[in-house]
Amino acid sequence: MYPVTEIFYSIQGEGHHSGKATLFVRLHGCNLACDFCDEPSHTQGEYENQSQEAILEQLRAYPAHFVVITGGEPTLFDLNPLIKFLQKEGYFVAIETNGYNLAHIQAADWITYSPKNWNTLAKEGYDELKFIIHHASDITPLLALSQEKPLYLQPQSDGSALNAANVARCVELILEHPEWRLSLQTHKILEIP
């Protein structure tokens, strides 16, 4: 059973898969309490414990086969059985995580690692890195990275709106470090879920 706060169909707005029609499975619970979190329902909202079969039944209502399991923090739970179950049903399964327990998602097809503690970064077990950037962020730990995987900078938003100073800082950093990429929360710009 998995604590599901919502399942919805939209467009992936962040990172490598931005622009894809996506089935989102949002799980309840997080090991952190980030003051900039833009999704409070994962810790404050209601949820329903759902079986793999119940999740699949809801996903089948939509034509896409690209699933993102997010939260909260999905790696609070061993998701490998759910991931393998969905893969057997023809779904590509991506996970968005702060990296709490990467072993819980090792079966995933794609892992977006968005660490909040930049001083202790996992070296492997993911496909892309995403850092949430505030204009005053100390990026020193990012400069020390020797990274072959895509590294995205995403401006910290103010709720549902982009913060101009944070966007400007990301653009400045990417122009200084052309190997880095910009990730905008396109779904917020388009005002879609």
C-alpha atoms as a PDB file:
ATOM      1  CA  MET A   1       0.000   0.000   0.000  1.00  0.00           C
ATOM      2  CA  TYR A   2       1.207   3.472  -0.879  1.00  0.00           C
ATOM      3  CA  PRO A   3       0.021   6.789   0.669  1.00  0.00           C
ATOM      4  CA  VAL A   4      -1.280   8.629  -2.402  1.00  0.00           C
ATOM      5  CA  THR A   5      -2.358  12.270  -2.088  1.00  0.00           C
ATOM      6  CA  GLU A   6      -3.274  12.566  -5.758  1.00  0.00           C
ATOM      7  CA  ILE A   7      -2.908  11.109  -9.226  1.00  0.00           C
ATOM      8  CA  PHE A   8      -3.263  13.535 -12.110  1.00  0.00           C
ATOM      9  CA  TYR A   9      -2.461  13.964 -15.789  1.00  0.00           C
ATOM     10  CA  SER A  10      -0.561  16.998 -17.027  1.00  0.00           C
ATOM     11  CA  ILE A  11       2.647  18.131 -18.738  1.00  0.00           C
ATOM     12  CA  GLN A  12       6.023  17.554 -17.096  1.00  0.00           C
ATOM     13  CA  GLY A  13       7.335  21.046 -16.498  1.00  0.00           C
ATOM     14  CA  GLU A  14      10.862  20.409 -15.201  1.00  0.00           C
ATOM     15  CA  GLY A  15      14.182  18.895 -16.202  1.00  0.00           C
ATOM     16  CA  HIS A  16      15.121  16.508 -18.993  1.00  0.00           C
ATOM     17  CA  HIS A  17      11.568  15.316 -19.698  1.00  0.00           C
ATOM     18  CA  SER A  18      10.003  18.778 -19.717  1.00  0.00           C
ATOM     19  CA  GLY A  19       7.121  19.023 -22.158  1.00  0.00           C
ATOM     20  CA  LYS A  20       6.058  15.355 -22.019  1.00  0.00           C
ATOM     21  CA  ALA A  21       2.504  14.287 -21.280  1.00  0.00           C
ATOM     22  CA  THR A  22       2.873  12.824 -17.799  1.00  0.00           C
ATOM     23  CA  LEU A  23       0.923  10.839 -15.249  1.00  0.00           C
ATOM     24  CA  PHE A  24       1.848  12.130 -11.803  1.00  0.00           C
ATOM     25  CA  VAL A  25       1.543  10.018  -8.675  1.00  0.00           C
ATOM     26  CA  ARG A  26       2.061  12.225  -5.633  1.00  0.00           C
ATOM     27  CA  LEU A  27       2.878  10.447  -2.382  1.00  0.00           C
ATOM     28  CA  HIS A  28       2.312  11.738   1.140  1.00  0.00           C
ATOM     29  CA  GLY A  29       5.185  12.370   3.563  1.00  0.00           C
ATOM     30  CA  CYS A  30       8.596  13.990   3.535  1.00  0.00           C
ATOM     31  CA  ASN A  31      11.739  13.735   5.653  1.00  0.00           C
ATOM     32  CA  LEU A  32      12.380  17.478   5.259  1.00  0.00           C
ATOM     33  CA  ALA A  33      10.547  20.715   5.985  1.00  0.00           C
ATOM     34  CA  CYS A  34      11.904  23.104   3.364  1.00  0.00           C
ATOM     35  CA  ASP A  35      10.663  26.664   3.800  1.00  0.00           C
ATOM     36  CA  PHE A  36      10.482  27.085   0.003  1.00  0.00           C
ATOM     37  CA  CYS A  37       8.427  23.937  -0.638  1.00  0.00           C
ATOM     38  CA  ASP A  38       5.717  24.647  -3.193  1.00  0.00           C
ATOM     39  CA  GLU A  39       3.717  21.476  -2.528  1.00  0.00           C
ATOM     40  CA  PRO A  40       2.407  21.431   1.069  1.00  0.00           C
ATOM     41  CA  SER A  41      -0.278  18.804   0.378  1.00  0.00           C
ATOM     42  CA  HIS A  42       2.287  16.030   0.731  1.00  0.00           C
ATOM     43  CA  THR A  43       2.590  16.669   4.466  1.00  0.00           C
ATOM     44  CA  GLN A  44      -0.576  18.573   5.362  1.00  0.00           C
ATOM     45  CA  GLY A  45      -3.204  17.151   3.039  1.00  0.00           C
ATOM     46  CA  GLU A  46      -5.257  14.009   3.058  1.00  0.00           C
ATOM     47  CA  TYR A  47      -4.102  10.809   1.446  1.00  0.00           C
ATOM     48  CA  GLU A  48      -5.404   7.348   0.723  1.00  0.00           C
ATOM     49  CA  ASN A  49      -3.396   4.150   1.043  1.00  0.00           C
ATOM     50  CA  GLN A  50      -3.636   2.522  -2.369  1.00  0.00           C
ATOM     51  CA  SER A  51      -2.544  -0.811  -3.790  1.00  0.00           C
ATOM     52  CA  GLN A  52      -0.522  -1.199  -6.979  1.00  0.00           C
ATOM     53  CA  GLU A  53      -3.681  -2.341  -8.729  1.00  0.00           C
ATOM     54  CA  ALA A  54      -5.665   0.718  -7.593  1.00  0.00           C
ATOM     55  CA  ILE A  55      -2.909   3.037  -8.825  1.00  0.00           C
ATOM     56  CA  LEU A  56      -2.741   1.222 -12.166  1.00  0.00           C
ATOM     57  CA  GLU A  57      -6.513   1.436 -12.608  1.00  0.00           C
ATOM     58  CA  GLN A  58      -6.344   5.240 -12.300  1.00  0.00           C
ATOM     59  CA  LEU A  59      -3.361   5.520 -14.650  1.00  0.00           C
ATOM     60  CA  ARG A  60      -5.165   3.498 -17.325  1.00  0.00           C
ATOM     61  CA  ALA A  61      -7.757   6.275 -17.640  1.00  0.00           C
ATOM     62  CA  TYR A  62      -5.164   8.327 -19.591  1.00  0.00           C
ATOM     63  CA  PRO A  63      -3.308   7.694 -22.874  1.00  0.00           C
ATOM     64  CA  ALA A  64       0.226   8.459 -21.626  1.00  0.00           C
ATOM     65  CA  HIS A  65       2.694   5.822 -20.434  1.00  0.00           C
ATOM     66  CA  PHE A  66       5.177   8.182 -18.798  1.00  0.00           C
ATOM     67  CA  VAL A  67       4.751   8.208 -15.002  1.00  0.00           C
ATOM     68  CA  VAL A  68       6.444  10.482 -12.477  1.00  0.00           C
ATOM     69  CA  ILE A  69       6.257   9.448  -8.838  1.00  0.00           C
ATOM     70  CA  THR A  70       6.825  12.493  -6.663  1.00  0.00           C
ATOM     71  CA  GLY A  71       5.898  13.825  -3.266  1.00  0.00           C
ATOM     72  CA  GLY A  72       6.737  14.666  -0.656  1.00  0.00           C
ATOM     73  CA  GLU A  73       9.665  12.341  -0.686  1.00  0.00           C
ATOM     74  CA  PRO A  74       8.985   9.089  -2.551  1.00  0.00           C
ATOM     75  CA  THR A  75      12.048   7.289  -1.205  1.00  0.00           C
ATOM     76  CA  LEU A  76      10.513   7.125   2.260  1.00  0.00           C
ATOM     77  CA  PHE A  77       8.911   3.983   0.827  1.00  0.00           C
ATOM     78  CA  ASP A  78      10.337   0.977  -0.989  1.00  0.00           C
ATOM     79  CA  LEU A  79       8.870   1.732  -4.416  1.00  0.00           C
ATOM     80  CA  ASN A  80      10.759  -0.965  -6.312  1.00  0.00           C
ATOM     81  CA  PRO A  81       7.767  -3.377  -6.304  1.00  0.00           C
ATOM     82  CA  LEU A  82       5.419  -0.632  -7.605  1.00  0.00           C
ATOM     83  CA  ILE A  83       7.955   0.493 -10.219  1.00  0.00           C
ATOM     84  CA  LYS A  84       8.441  -3.051 -11.543  1.00  0.00           C
ATOM     85  CA  PHE A  85       4.684  -3.644 -11.545  1.00  0.00           C
ATOM     86  CA  LEU A  86       4.073  -0.503 -13.626  1.00  0.00           C
ATOM     87  CA  GLN A  87       6.966  -1.322 -15.967  1.00  0.00           C
ATOM     88  CA  LYS A  88       5.453  -4.764 -16.645  1.00  0.00           C
ATOM     89  CA  GLU A  89       2.273  -2.917 -17.644  1.00  0.00           C
ATOM     90  CA  GLY A  90       4.237  -0.850 -20.191  1.00  0.00           C
ATOM     91  CA  TYR A  91       4.911   2.321 -18.202  1.00  0.00           C
ATOM     92  CA  PHE A  92       8.171   4.287 -18.103  1.00  0.00           C
ATOM     93  CA  VAL A  93       8.616   5.253 -14.452  1.00  0.00           C
ATOM     94  CA  ALA A  94      10.522   8.347 -13.361  1.00  0.00           C
ATOM     95  CA  ILE A  95      11.060   9.479  -9.779  1.00  0.00           C
ATOM     96  CA  GLU A  96      11.706  12.937  -8.331  1.00  0.00           C
ATOM     97  CA  THR A  97      13.618  12.658  -5.051  1.00  0.00           C
ATOM     98  CA  ASN A  98      15.754  14.549  -2.567  1.00  0.00           C
ATOM     99  CA  GLY A  99      17.822  11.355  -2.318  1.00  0.00           C
ATOM    100  CA  TYR A 100      16.687  10.187   1.111  1.00  0.00           C
ATOM    101  CA  ASN A 101      17.030   6.482   0.178  1.00  0.00           C
ATOM    102  CA  LEU A 102      17.966   5.860  -3.450  1.00  0.00           C
ATOM    103  CA  ALA A 103      17.909   2.076  -2.889  1.00  0.00           C
ATOM    104  CA  HIS A 104      14.108   2.338  -2.614  1.00  0.00           C
ATOM    105  CA  ILE A 105      13.859   3.415  -6.271  1.00  0.00           C
ATOM    106  CA  GLN A 106      16.733   1.642  -8.014  1.00  0.00           C
ATOM    107  CA  ALA A 107      14.344  -0.070 -10.463  1.00  0.00           C
ATOM    108  CA  ALA A 108      13.175   3.291 -11.882  1.00  0.00           C
ATOM    109  CA  ASP A 109      13.764   4.135 -15.535  1.00  0.00           C
ATOM    110  CA  TRP A 110      14.769   7.721 -14.693  1.00  0.00           C
ATOM    111  CA  ILE A 111      15.701   9.410 -11.411  1.00  0.00           C
ATOM    112  CA  THR A 112      15.799  13.157 -10.872  1.00  0.00           C
ATOM    113  CA  TYR A 113      17.932  13.836  -7.809  1.00  0.00           C
ATOM    114  CA  SER A 114      17.193  17.210  -6.233  1.00  0.00           C
ATOM    115  CA  PRO A 115      19.278  17.316  -3.053  1.00  0.00           C
ATOM    116  CA  LYS A 116      18.562  19.970  -0.461  1.00  0.00           C
ATOM    117  CA  ASN A 117      21.853  19.487   1.431  1.00  0.00           C
ATOM    118  CA  TRP A 118      24.461  20.374  -1.167  1.00  0.00           C
ATOM    119  CA  ASN A 119      27.379  19.422   1.081  1.00  0.00           C
ATOM    120  CA  THR A 120      26.644  15.672   1.040  1.00  0.00           C
ATOM    121  CA  LEU A 121      25.772  14.630  -2.489  1.00  0.00           C
ATOM    122  CA  ALA A 122      25.223  11.091  -3.697  1.00  0.00           C
ATOM    123  CA  LYS A 123      27.737  10.135  -6.384  1.00  0.00           C
ATOM    124  CA  GLU A 124      25.524   7.655  -8.261  1.00  0.00           C
ATOM    125  CA  GLY A 125      22.052   6.177  -8.496  1.00  0.00           C
ATOM    126  CA  TYR A 126      20.360   8.913 -10.550  1.00  0.00           C
ATOM    127  CA  ASP A 127      20.099  10.252 -14.096  1.00  0.00           C
ATOM    128  CA  GLU A 128      20.005  14.015 -13.600  1.00  0.00           C
ATOM    129  CA  LEU A 129      20.671  16.562 -10.872  1.00  0.00           C
ATOM    130  CA  LYS A 130      18.368  19.484 -10.139  1.00  0.00           C
ATOM    131  CA  PHE A 131      19.285  22.275  -7.747  1.00  0.00           C
ATOM    132  CA  ILE A 132      16.728  24.804  -6.518  1.00  0.00           C
ATOM    133  CA  ILE A 133      18.456  28.200  -6.651  1.00  0.00           C
ATOM    134  CA  HIS A 134      17.740  31.296  -4.588  1.00  0.00           C
ATOM    135  CA  HIS A 135      19.568  34.455  -5.651  1.00  0.00           C
ATOM    136  CA  ALA A 136      21.530  34.322  -2.362  1.00  0.00           C
ATOM    137  CA  SER A 137      22.394  30.601  -2.589  1.00  0.00           C
ATOM    138  CA  ASP A 138      26.015  29.669  -1.899  1.00  0.00           C
ATOM    139  CA  ILE A 139      26.833  27.606  -4.969  1.00  0.00           C
ATOM    140  CA  THR A 140      30.357  26.684  -3.844  1.00  0.00           C
ATOM    141  CA  PRO A 141      29.473  22.950  -3.515  1.00  0.00           C
ATOM    142  CA  LEU A 142      28.202  22.933  -7.116  1.00  0.00           C
ATOM    143  CA  LEU A 143      31.503  24.302  -8.404  1.00  0.00           C
ATOM    144  CA  ALA A 144      33.318  21.293  -6.968  1.00  0.00           C
ATOM    145  CA  LEU A 145      31.134  18.785  -8.818  1.00  0.00           C
ATOM    146  CA  SER A 146      32.668  16.643 -11.498  1.00  0.00           C
ATOM    147  CA  GLN A 147      29.462  15.639 -13.171  1.00  0.00           C
ATOM    148  CA  GLU A 148      28.809  13.770 -16.403  1.00  0.00           C
ATOM    149  CA  LYS A 149      25.035  13.719 -15.896  1.00  0.00           C
ATOM    150  CA  PRO A 150      22.817  16.684 -16.748  1.00  0.00           C
ATOM    151  CA  LEU A 151      22.840  19.339 -14.030  1.00  0.00           C
ATOM    152  CA  TYR A 152      19.841  21.670 -13.927  1.00  0.00           C
ATOM    153  CA  LEU A 153      19.437  24.922 -12.047  1.00  0.00           C
ATOM    154  CA  GLN A 154      15.840  25.732 -11.218  1.00  0.00           C
ATOM    155  CA  PRO A 155      14.896  29.155  -9.854  1.00  0.00           C
ATOM    156  CA  GLN A 156      13.202  28.962  -6.478  1.00  0.00           C
ATOM    157  CA  SER A 157       9.653  30.164  -7.028  1.00  0.00           C
ATOM    158  CA  ASP A 158       7.439  32.315  -4.857  1.00  0.00           C
ATOM    159  CA  GLY A 159       4.517  29.949  -4.568  1.00  0.00           C
ATOM    160  CA  SER A 160       3.028  29.763  -8.049  1.00  0.00           C
ATOM    161  CA  ALA A 161       5.045  32.670  -9.487  1.00  0.00           C
ATOM    162  CA  LEU A 162       8.594  32.919 -10.772  1.00  0.00           C
ATOM    163  CA  ASN A 163      10.955  35.093  -8.755  1.00  0.00           C
ATOM    164  CA  ALA A 164      12.796  37.456 -11.118  1.00  0.00           C
ATOM    165  CA  ALA A 165      15.935  37.682  -8.959  1.00  0.00           C
ATOM    166  CA  ASN A 166      16.189  33.901  -8.742  1.00  0.00           C
ATOM    167  CA  VAL A 167      15.668  33.510 -12.500  1.00  0.00           C
ATOM    168  CA  ALA A 168      18.351  36.133 -13.176  1.00  0.00           C
ATOM    169  CA  ARG A 169      20.789  34.337 -10.869  1.00  0.00           C
ATOM    170  CA  CYS A 170      20.207  31.014 -12.646  1.00  0.00           C
ATOM    171  CA  VAL A 171      20.733  32.607 -16.059  1.00  0.00           C
ATOM    172  CA  GLU A 172      23.924  34.288 -14.837  1.00  0.00           C
ATOM    173  CA  LEU A 173      25.274  30.991 -13.458  1.00  0.00           C
ATOM    174  CA  ILE A 174      24.469  29.046 -16.621  1.00  0.00           C
ATOM    175  CA  LEU A 175      26.185  31.648 -18.787  1.00  0.00           C
ATOM    176  CA  GLU A 176      29.252  31.289 -16.533  1.00  0.00           C
ATOM    177  CA  HIS A 177      28.983  27.458 -16.551  1.00  0.00           C
ATOM    178  CA  PRO A 178      27.631  26.462 -19.983  1.00  0.00           C
ATOM    179  CA  GLU A 179      27.619  22.764 -19.071  1.00  0.00           C
ATOM    180  CA  TRP A 180      24.704  23.497 -16.682  1.00  0.00           C
ATOM    181  CA  ARG A 181      21.108  23.775 -17.884  1.00  0.00           C
ATOM    182  CA  LEU A 182      18.068  25.836 -16.955  1.00  0.00           C
ATOM    183  CA  SER A 183      14.918  24.150 -15.672  1.00  0.00           C
ATOM    184  CA  LEU A 184      11.868  26.378 -15.458  1.00  0.00           C
ATOM    185  CA  GLN A 185       8.671  25.147 -13.905  1.00  0.00           C
ATOM    186  CA  THR A 186       6.869  25.372 -17.227  1.00  0.00           C
ATOM    187  CA  HIS A 187       3.620  24.143 -15.724  1.00  0.00           C
ATOM    188  CA  LYS A 188       3.548  27.227 -13.476  1.00  0.00           C
ATOM    189  CA  ILE A 189       4.221  29.555 -16.403  1.00  0.00           C
ATOM    190  CA  LEU A 190       1.391  27.882 -18.332  1.00  0.00           C
ATOM    191  CA  GLU A 191      -0.807  27.851 -15.208  1.00  0.00           C
ATOM    192  CA  ILE A 192      -1.608  24.151 -15.470  1.00  0.00           C
ATOM    193  CA  PRO A 193      -1.433  21.507 -12.697  1.00  0.00           C
END
